[in-house]
Amino acid sequence: MVFCQLVQREVLLRQLMAVILSMLRMNFSHKLLYYMKKKLRTLTPK
């Protein structure tokens, strides 16, 4: 019974980590996209 609970907790932790990582990755890529757009705008001559 205790082992089962431990396994469930492990699975929950892994899912939580995956969610957090994906959120961070999304946020990072969004910032990167924004930065790249900004950079491109500054690079292109007016």
PDB file of N, CA and C in Angstrom:
ATOM      1  N   MET A   1       0.837  -1.205   0.000  1.00  0.00           N
ATOM      2  CA  MET A   1       0.000   0.000   0.000  1.00  0.00           C
ATOM      3  C   MET A   1       0.874   1.259   0.000  1.00  0.00           C
ATOM      4  N   VAL A   2       1.864   1.270   0.881  1.00  0.00           N
ATOM      5  CA  VAL A   2       2.764   2.430   0.965  1.00  0.00           C
ATOM      6  C   VAL A   2       3.538   2.589  -0.337  1.00  0.00           C
ATOM      7  N   PHE A   3       3.973   1.449  -0.892  1.00  0.00           N
ATOM      8  CA  PHE A   3       4.726   1.458  -2.149  1.00  0.00           C
ATOM      9  C   PHE A   3       3.882   2.070  -3.263  1.00  0.00           C
ATOM     10  N   CYS A   4       2.612   1.703  -3.294  1.00  0.00           N
ATOM     11  CA  CYS A   4       1.683   2.219  -4.303  1.00  0.00           C
ATOM     12  C   CYS A   4       1.573   3.742  -4.181  1.00  0.00           C
ATOM     13  N   GLN A   5       1.458   4.212  -2.957  1.00  0.00           N
ATOM     14  CA  GLN A   5       1.357   5.656  -2.717  1.00  0.00           C
ATOM     15  C   GLN A   5       2.628   6.369  -3.168  1.00  0.00           C
ATOM     16  N   LEU A   6       3.773   5.746  -2.893  1.00  0.00           N
ATOM     17  CA  LEU A   6       5.050   6.328  -3.297  1.00  0.00           C
ATOM     18  C   LEU A   6       5.128   6.448  -4.807  1.00  0.00           C
ATOM     19  N   VAL A   7       4.705   5.398  -5.495  1.00  0.00           N
ATOM     20  CA  VAL A   7       4.723   5.393  -6.959  1.00  0.00           C
ATOM     21  C   VAL A   7       3.812   6.492  -7.499  1.00  0.00           C
ATOM     22  N   GLN A   8       2.632   6.611  -6.909  1.00  0.00           N
ATOM     23  CA  GLN A   8       1.684   7.647  -7.331  1.00  0.00           C
ATOM     24  C   GLN A   8       2.288   9.038  -7.140  1.00  0.00           C
ATOM     25  N   ARG A   9       2.952   9.226  -6.009  1.00  0.00           N
ATOM     26  CA  ARG A   9       3.579  10.514  -5.712  1.00  0.00           C
ATOM     27  C   ARG A   9       4.667  10.814  -6.738  1.00  0.00           C
ATOM     28  N   GLU A  10       5.448   9.793  -7.060  1.00  0.00           N
ATOM     29  CA  GLU A  10       6.519   9.928  -8.048  1.00  0.00           C
ATOM     30  C   GLU A  10       5.947  10.348  -9.397  1.00  0.00           C
ATOM     31  N   VAL A  11       4.865   9.680  -9.782  1.00  0.00           N
ATOM     32  CA  VAL A  11       4.211   9.993 -11.059  1.00  0.00           C
ATOM     33  C   VAL A  11       3.692  11.430 -11.050  1.00  0.00           C
ATOM     34  N   LEU A  12       3.069  11.815  -9.945  1.00  0.00           N
ATOM     35  CA  LEU A  12       2.543  13.178  -9.818  1.00  0.00           C
ATOM     36  C   LEU A  12       3.663  14.204  -9.922  1.00  0.00           C
ATOM     37  N   LEU A  13       4.770  13.931  -9.233  1.00  0.00           N
ATOM     38  CA  LEU A  13       5.911  14.841  -9.269  1.00  0.00           C
ATOM     39  C   LEU A  13       6.453  14.977 -10.684  1.00  0.00           C
ATOM     40  N   ARG A  14       6.545  13.842 -11.385  1.00  0.00           N
ATOM     41  CA  ARG A  14       7.063  13.874 -12.761  1.00  0.00           C
ATOM     42  C   ARG A  14       6.147  14.669 -13.674  1.00  0.00           C
ATOM     43  N   GLN A  15       4.837  14.477 -13.498  1.00  0.00           N
ATOM     44  CA  GLN A  15       3.865  15.222 -14.309  1.00  0.00           C
ATOM     45  C   GLN A  15       3.981  16.715 -14.029  1.00  0.00           C
ATOM     46  N   LEU A  16       4.104  17.052 -12.754  1.00  0.00           N
ATOM     47  CA  LEU A  16       4.238  18.443 -12.341  1.00  0.00           C
ATOM     48  C   LEU A  16       5.493  19.063 -12.953  1.00  0.00           C
ATOM     49  N   MET A  17       6.608  18.336 -12.880  1.00  0.00           N
ATOM     50  CA  MET A  17       7.861  18.799 -13.454  1.00  0.00           C
ATOM     51  C   MET A  17       7.720  19.024 -14.949  1.00  0.00           C
ATOM     52  N   ALA A  18       7.065  18.080 -15.620  1.00  0.00           N
ATOM     53  CA  ALA A  18       6.867  18.176 -17.068  1.00  0.00           C
ATOM     54  C   ALA A  18       6.053  19.422 -17.416  1.00  0.00           C
ATOM     55  N   VAL A  19       5.005  19.657 -16.635  1.00  0.00           N
ATOM     56  CA  VAL A  19       4.150  20.831 -16.865  1.00  0.00           C
ATOM     57  C   VAL A  19       4.947  22.117 -16.671  1.00  0.00           C
ATOM     58  N   ILE A  20       5.702  22.176 -15.577  1.00  0.00           N
ATOM     59  CA  ILE A  20       6.507  23.367 -15.277  1.00  0.00           C
ATOM     60  C   ILE A  20       7.542  23.598 -16.371  1.00  0.00           C
ATOM     61  N   LEU A  21       8.198  22.513 -16.795  1.00  0.00           N
ATOM     62  CA  LEU A  21       9.209  22.621 -17.844  1.00  0.00           C
ATOM     63  C   LEU A  21       8.609  23.127 -19.141  1.00  0.00           C
ATOM     64  N   SER A  22       7.458  22.569 -19.511  1.00  0.00           N
ATOM     65  CA  SER A  22       6.812  22.988 -20.759  1.00  0.00           C
ATOM     66  C   SER A  22       6.399  24.458 -20.679  1.00  0.00           C
ATOM     67  N   MET A  23       5.911  24.867 -19.511  1.00  0.00           N
ATOM     68  CA  MET A  23       5.524  26.265 -19.318  1.00  0.00           C
ATOM     69  C   MET A  23       6.738  27.176 -19.448  1.00  0.00           C
ATOM     70  N   LEU A  24       7.838  26.769 -18.815  1.00  0.00           N
ATOM     71  CA  LEU A  24       9.065  27.554 -18.888  1.00  0.00           C
ATOM     72  C   LEU A  24       9.563  27.640 -20.322  1.00  0.00           C
ATOM     73  N   ARG A  25       9.508  26.502 -21.025  1.00  0.00           N
ATOM     74  CA  ARG A  25       9.978  26.452 -22.405  1.00  0.00           C
ATOM     75  C   ARG A  25       9.131  27.372 -23.283  1.00  0.00           C
ATOM     76  N   MET A  26       7.803  27.329 -23.059  1.00  0.00           N
ATOM     77  CA  MET A  26       6.893  28.182 -23.818  1.00  0.00           C
ATOM     78  C   MET A  26       7.211  29.647 -23.554  1.00  0.00           C
ATOM     79  N   ASN A  27       7.389  29.984 -22.289  1.00  0.00           N
ATOM     80  CA  ASN A  27       7.705  31.356 -21.892  1.00  0.00           C
ATOM     81  C   ASN A  27       9.025  31.797 -22.504  1.00  0.00           C
ATOM     82  N   PHE A  28      10.026  30.909 -22.455  1.00  0.00           N
ATOM     83  CA  PHE A  28      11.349  31.211 -22.989  1.00  0.00           C
ATOM     84  C   PHE A  28      11.290  31.432 -24.491  1.00  0.00           C
ATOM     85  N   SER A  29      10.596  30.538 -25.203  1.00  0.00           N
ATOM     86  CA  SER A  29      10.500  30.651 -26.659  1.00  0.00           C
ATOM     87  C   SER A  29       9.749  31.925 -27.035  1.00  0.00           C
ATOM     88  N   HIS A  30       8.745  32.278 -26.232  1.00  0.00           N
ATOM     89  CA  HIS A  30       7.981  33.500 -26.475  1.00  0.00           C
ATOM     90  C   HIS A  30       8.895  34.717 -26.340  1.00  0.00           C
ATOM     91  N   LYS A  31       9.700  34.728 -25.287  1.00  0.00           N
ATOM     92  CA  LYS A  31      10.638  35.827 -25.068  1.00  0.00           C
ATOM     93  C   LYS A  31      11.669  35.877 -26.184  1.00  0.00           C
ATOM     94  N   LEU A  32      12.145  34.698 -26.596  1.00  0.00           N
ATOM     95  CA  LEU A  32      13.135  34.611 -27.664  1.00  0.00           C
ATOM     96  C   LEU A  32      12.554  35.164 -28.960  1.00  0.00           C
ATOM     97  N   LEU A  33      11.323  34.776 -29.271  1.00  0.00           N
ATOM     98  CA  LEU A  33      10.638  35.274 -30.472  1.00  0.00           C
ATOM     99  C   LEU A  33      10.530  36.795 -30.422  1.00  0.00           C
ATOM    100  N   TYR A  34      10.108  37.306 -29.286  1.00  0.00           N
ATOM    101  CA  TYR A  34       9.961  38.753 -29.097  1.00  0.00           C
ATOM    102  C   TYR A  34      11.301  39.458 -29.298  1.00  0.00           C
ATOM    103  N   TYR A  35      12.346  38.885 -28.710  1.00  0.00           N
ATOM    104  CA  TYR A  35      13.690  39.446 -28.816  1.00  0.00           C
ATOM    105  C   TYR A  35      14.164  39.444 -30.264  1.00  0.00           C
ATOM    106  N   MET A  36      13.919  38.326 -30.964  1.00  0.00           N
ATOM    107  CA  MET A  36      14.336  38.203 -32.359  1.00  0.00           C
ATOM    108  C   MET A  36      13.614  39.231 -33.228  1.00  0.00           C
ATOM    109  N   LYS A  37      12.321  39.386 -32.995  1.00  0.00           N
ATOM    110  CA  LYS A  37      11.540  40.369 -33.756  1.00  0.00           C
ATOM    111  C   LYS A  37      12.089  41.775 -33.527  1.00  0.00           C
ATOM    112  N   LYS A  38      12.383  42.067 -32.273  1.00  0.00           N
ATOM    113  CA  LYS A  38      12.930  43.366 -31.897  1.00  0.00           C
ATOM    114  C   LYS A  38      14.267  43.587 -32.605  1.00  0.00           C
ATOM    115  N   LYS A  39      15.102  42.551 -32.574  1.00  0.00           N
ATOM    116  CA  LYS A  39      16.423  42.603 -33.187  1.00  0.00           C
ATOM    117  C   LYS A  39      16.293  42.837 -34.694  1.00  0.00           C
ATOM    118  N   LEU A  40      15.385  42.095 -35.320  1.00  0.00           N
ATOM    119  CA  LEU A  40      15.167  42.236 -36.758  1.00  0.00           C
ATOM    120  C   LEU A  40      14.702  43.651 -37.092  1.00  0.00           C
ATOM    121  N   ARG A  41      13.826  44.186 -36.270  1.00  0.00           N
ATOM    122  CA  ARG A  41      13.303  45.533 -36.490  1.00  0.00           C
ATOM    123  C   ARG A  41      14.426  46.566 -36.414  1.00  0.00           C
ATOM    124  N   THR A  42      15.344  46.364 -35.469  1.00  0.00           N
ATOM    125  CA  THR A  42      16.452  47.309 -35.310  1.00  0.00           C
ATOM    126  C   THR A  42      17.477  47.126 -36.427  1.00  0.00           C
ATOM    127  N   LEU A  43      17.619  45.895 -36.924  1.00  0.00           N
ATOM    128  CA  LEU A  43      18.597  45.614 -37.976  1.00  0.00           C
ATOM    129  C   LEU A  43      18.156  46.165 -39.329  1.00  0.00           C
ATOM    130  N   THR A  44      16.857  46.074 -39.622  1.00  0.00           N
ATOM    131  CA  THR A  44      16.369  46.530 -40.931  1.00  0.00           C
ATOM    132  C   THR A  44      16.434  48.052 -41.024  1.00  0.00           C
ATOM    133  N   PRO A  45      17.078  48.553 -42.081  1.00  0.00           N
ATOM    134  CA  PRO A  45      17.181  50.014 -42.261  1.00  0.00           C
ATOM    135  C   PRO A  45      15.839  50.645 -42.609  1.00  0.00           C
ATOM    136  N   LYS A  46      15.597  51.824 -42.063  1.00  0.00           N
ATOM    137  CA  LYS A  46      14.301  52.482 -42.295  1.00  0.00           C
ATOM    138  C   LYS A  46      14.356  53.389 -43.519  1.00  0.00           C
TER     139      LYS A  46
END
